[in-house]
């Protein structure tokens, strides 16, 4: 069964939080409320993903985004949504 929303996982473990994971999550929470993401993706805060040397860490559409920032994650979401359309 195909799900209707793109799942976006953001690590909020201690190392990722220190490296900006919590800030990243807050930025993305603001962005997903606006077009073109509104209603098309779901943010999920996770515990440690055990990839601390690459923090902050995010996963979009089975793609690991190392040293993630809002721009990289938004780009990956746009790409994933185009594939599903």
C-alpha atoms as a PDB file:
ATOM      1  CA  UNK A   1       0.000   0.000   0.000  1.00  0.00           C
ATOM      2  CA  UNK A   2       1.358   3.385  -0.992  1.00  0.00           C
ATOM      3  CA  UNK A   3       1.226   5.975   1.770  1.00  0.00           C
ATOM      4  CA  UNK A   4      -0.074   9.425   0.951  1.00  0.00           C
ATOM      5  CA  UNK A   5       2.620  11.382   2.781  1.00  0.00           C
ATOM      6  CA  UNK A   6       6.370  11.423   2.491  1.00  0.00           C
ATOM      7  CA  UNK A   7       7.917  10.466   5.838  1.00  0.00           C
ATOM      8  CA  UNK A   8      10.850  12.604   6.977  1.00  0.00           C
ATOM      9  CA  UNK A   9      12.879  11.320   9.903  1.00  0.00           C
ATOM     10  CA  UNK A  10      15.090  13.771  11.811  1.00  0.00           C
ATOM     11  CA  UNK A  11      17.467  12.539  14.489  1.00  0.00           C
ATOM     12  CA  UNK A  12      17.177  14.344  17.819  1.00  0.00           C
ATOM     13  CA  UNK A  13      19.692  12.211  19.708  1.00  0.00           C
ATOM     14  CA  UNK A  14      22.160  14.040  21.958  1.00  0.00           C
ATOM     15  CA  UNK A  15      24.952  14.506  19.376  1.00  0.00           C
ATOM     16  CA  UNK A  16      22.558  15.500  16.600  1.00  0.00           C
ATOM     17  CA  UNK A  17      20.747  17.876  18.937  1.00  0.00           C
ATOM     18  CA  UNK A  18      24.063  19.584  19.757  1.00  0.00           C
ATOM     19  CA  UNK A  19      24.923  19.759  16.035  1.00  0.00           C
ATOM     20  CA  UNK A  20      21.626  21.462  15.178  1.00  0.00           C
ATOM     21  CA  UNK A  21      19.134  18.600  14.840  1.00  0.00           C
ATOM     22  CA  UNK A  22      16.524  20.247  17.037  1.00  0.00           C
ATOM     23  CA  UNK A  23      16.913  23.549  15.172  1.00  0.00           C
ATOM     24  CA  UNK A  24      16.597  21.667  11.868  1.00  0.00           C
ATOM     25  CA  UNK A  25      13.389  20.000  13.055  1.00  0.00           C
ATOM     26  CA  UNK A  26      11.888  23.377  14.060  1.00  0.00           C
ATOM     27  CA  UNK A  27      12.805  24.922  10.690  1.00  0.00           C
ATOM     28  CA  UNK A  28      11.263  21.992   8.825  1.00  0.00           C
ATOM     29  CA  UNK A  29       8.107  22.141  10.974  1.00  0.00           C
ATOM     30  CA  UNK A  30       7.590  25.713   9.739  1.00  0.00           C
ATOM     31  CA  UNK A  31       8.286  24.773   6.111  1.00  0.00           C
ATOM     32  CA  UNK A  32       5.948  21.760   5.918  1.00  0.00           C
ATOM     33  CA  UNK A  33       3.011  23.958   6.902  1.00  0.00           C
ATOM     34  CA  UNK A  34       3.429  25.902   3.641  1.00  0.00           C
ATOM     35  CA  UNK A  35       3.064  24.997  -0.028  1.00  0.00           C
ATOM     36  CA  UNK A  36       4.316  22.893  -1.773  1.00  0.00           C
ATOM     37  CA  UNK A  37       4.779  20.614   1.260  1.00  0.00           C
ATOM     38  CA  UNK A  38       1.476  21.238   3.079  1.00  0.00           C
ATOM     39  CA  UNK A  39      -0.259  17.918   3.683  1.00  0.00           C
ATOM     40  CA  UNK A  40       2.308  15.987   1.655  1.00  0.00           C
ATOM     41  CA  UNK A  41       4.918  15.110   4.245  1.00  0.00           C
ATOM     42  CA  UNK A  42       5.124  14.108   7.882  1.00  0.00           C
ATOM     43  CA  UNK A  43       8.047  14.945  10.163  1.00  0.00           C
ATOM     44  CA  UNK A  44       9.102  12.353  12.697  1.00  0.00           C
ATOM     45  CA  UNK A  45      11.643  13.113  15.419  1.00  0.00           C
ATOM     46  CA  UNK A  46      13.705  10.026  16.198  1.00  0.00           C
ATOM     47  CA  UNK A  47      16.094   8.971  18.892  1.00  0.00           C
ATOM     48  CA  UNK A  48      19.725   8.300  17.982  1.00  0.00           C
ATOM     49  CA  UNK A  49      20.191   6.767  14.509  1.00  0.00           C
ATOM     50  CA  UNK A  50      23.723   5.676  15.440  1.00  0.00           C
ATOM     51  CA  UNK A  51      25.380   7.795  12.751  1.00  0.00           C
ATOM     52  CA  UNK A  52      26.779  10.413  15.110  1.00  0.00           C
ATOM     53  CA  UNK A  53      29.831  11.328  13.004  1.00  0.00           C
ATOM     54  CA  UNK A  54      27.476  12.590  10.287  1.00  0.00           C
ATOM     55  CA  UNK A  55      25.154  14.631  12.481  1.00  0.00           C
ATOM     56  CA  UNK A  56      22.679  16.150  12.223  1.00  0.00           C
ATOM     57  CA  UNK A  57      21.046  13.293  10.366  1.00  0.00           C
ATOM     58  CA  UNK A  58      17.791  13.027   8.393  1.00  0.00           C
ATOM     59  CA  UNK A  59      16.145  10.375   6.220  1.00  0.00           C
ATOM     60  CA  UNK A  60      13.860  11.183   3.284  1.00  0.00           C
ATOM     61  CA  UNK A  61      12.529   8.499   0.927  1.00  0.00           C
ATOM     62  CA  UNK A  62      15.148   5.919   2.038  1.00  0.00           C
ATOM     63  CA  UNK A  63      17.916   8.483   1.435  1.00  0.00           C
ATOM     64  CA  UNK A  64      20.224   9.288   4.330  1.00  0.00           C
ATOM     65  CA  UNK A  65      21.124  12.971   4.475  1.00  0.00           C
ATOM     66  CA  UNK A  66      24.360  13.473   6.374  1.00  0.00           C
ATOM     67  CA  UNK A  67      25.200  16.806   7.983  1.00  0.00           C
ATOM     68  CA  UNK A  68      21.653  17.831   7.116  1.00  0.00           C
ATOM     69  CA  UNK A  69      20.395  21.365   6.892  1.00  0.00           C
ATOM     70  CA  UNK A  70      16.960  22.661   5.939  1.00  0.00           C
ATOM     71  CA  UNK A  71      17.975  23.291   2.313  1.00  0.00           C
ATOM     72  CA  UNK A  72      19.260  19.735   1.774  1.00  0.00           C
ATOM     73  CA  UNK A  73      16.201  18.166   3.383  1.00  0.00           C
ATOM     74  CA  UNK A  74      13.725  20.373   1.486  1.00  0.00           C
ATOM     75  CA  UNK A  75      15.472  19.489  -1.769  1.00  0.00           C
ATOM     76  CA  UNK A  76      15.231  15.767  -0.974  1.00  0.00           C
ATOM     77  CA  UNK A  77      11.521  16.110  -0.116  1.00  0.00           C
ATOM     78  CA  UNK A  78      10.812  17.903  -3.401  1.00  0.00           C
ATOM     79  CA  UNK A  79      12.655  15.169  -5.306  1.00  0.00           C
ATOM     80  CA  UNK A  80      10.765  12.411  -3.468  1.00  0.00           C
ATOM     81  CA  UNK A  81       7.394  14.054  -4.086  1.00  0.00           C
ATOM     82  CA  UNK A  82       8.105  14.352  -7.814  1.00  0.00           C
ATOM     83  CA  UNK A  83       8.810  10.621  -7.993  1.00  0.00           C
ATOM     84  CA  UNK A  84       5.494   9.785  -6.316  1.00  0.00           C
ATOM     85  CA  UNK A  85       3.391  12.139  -8.465  1.00  0.00           C
END
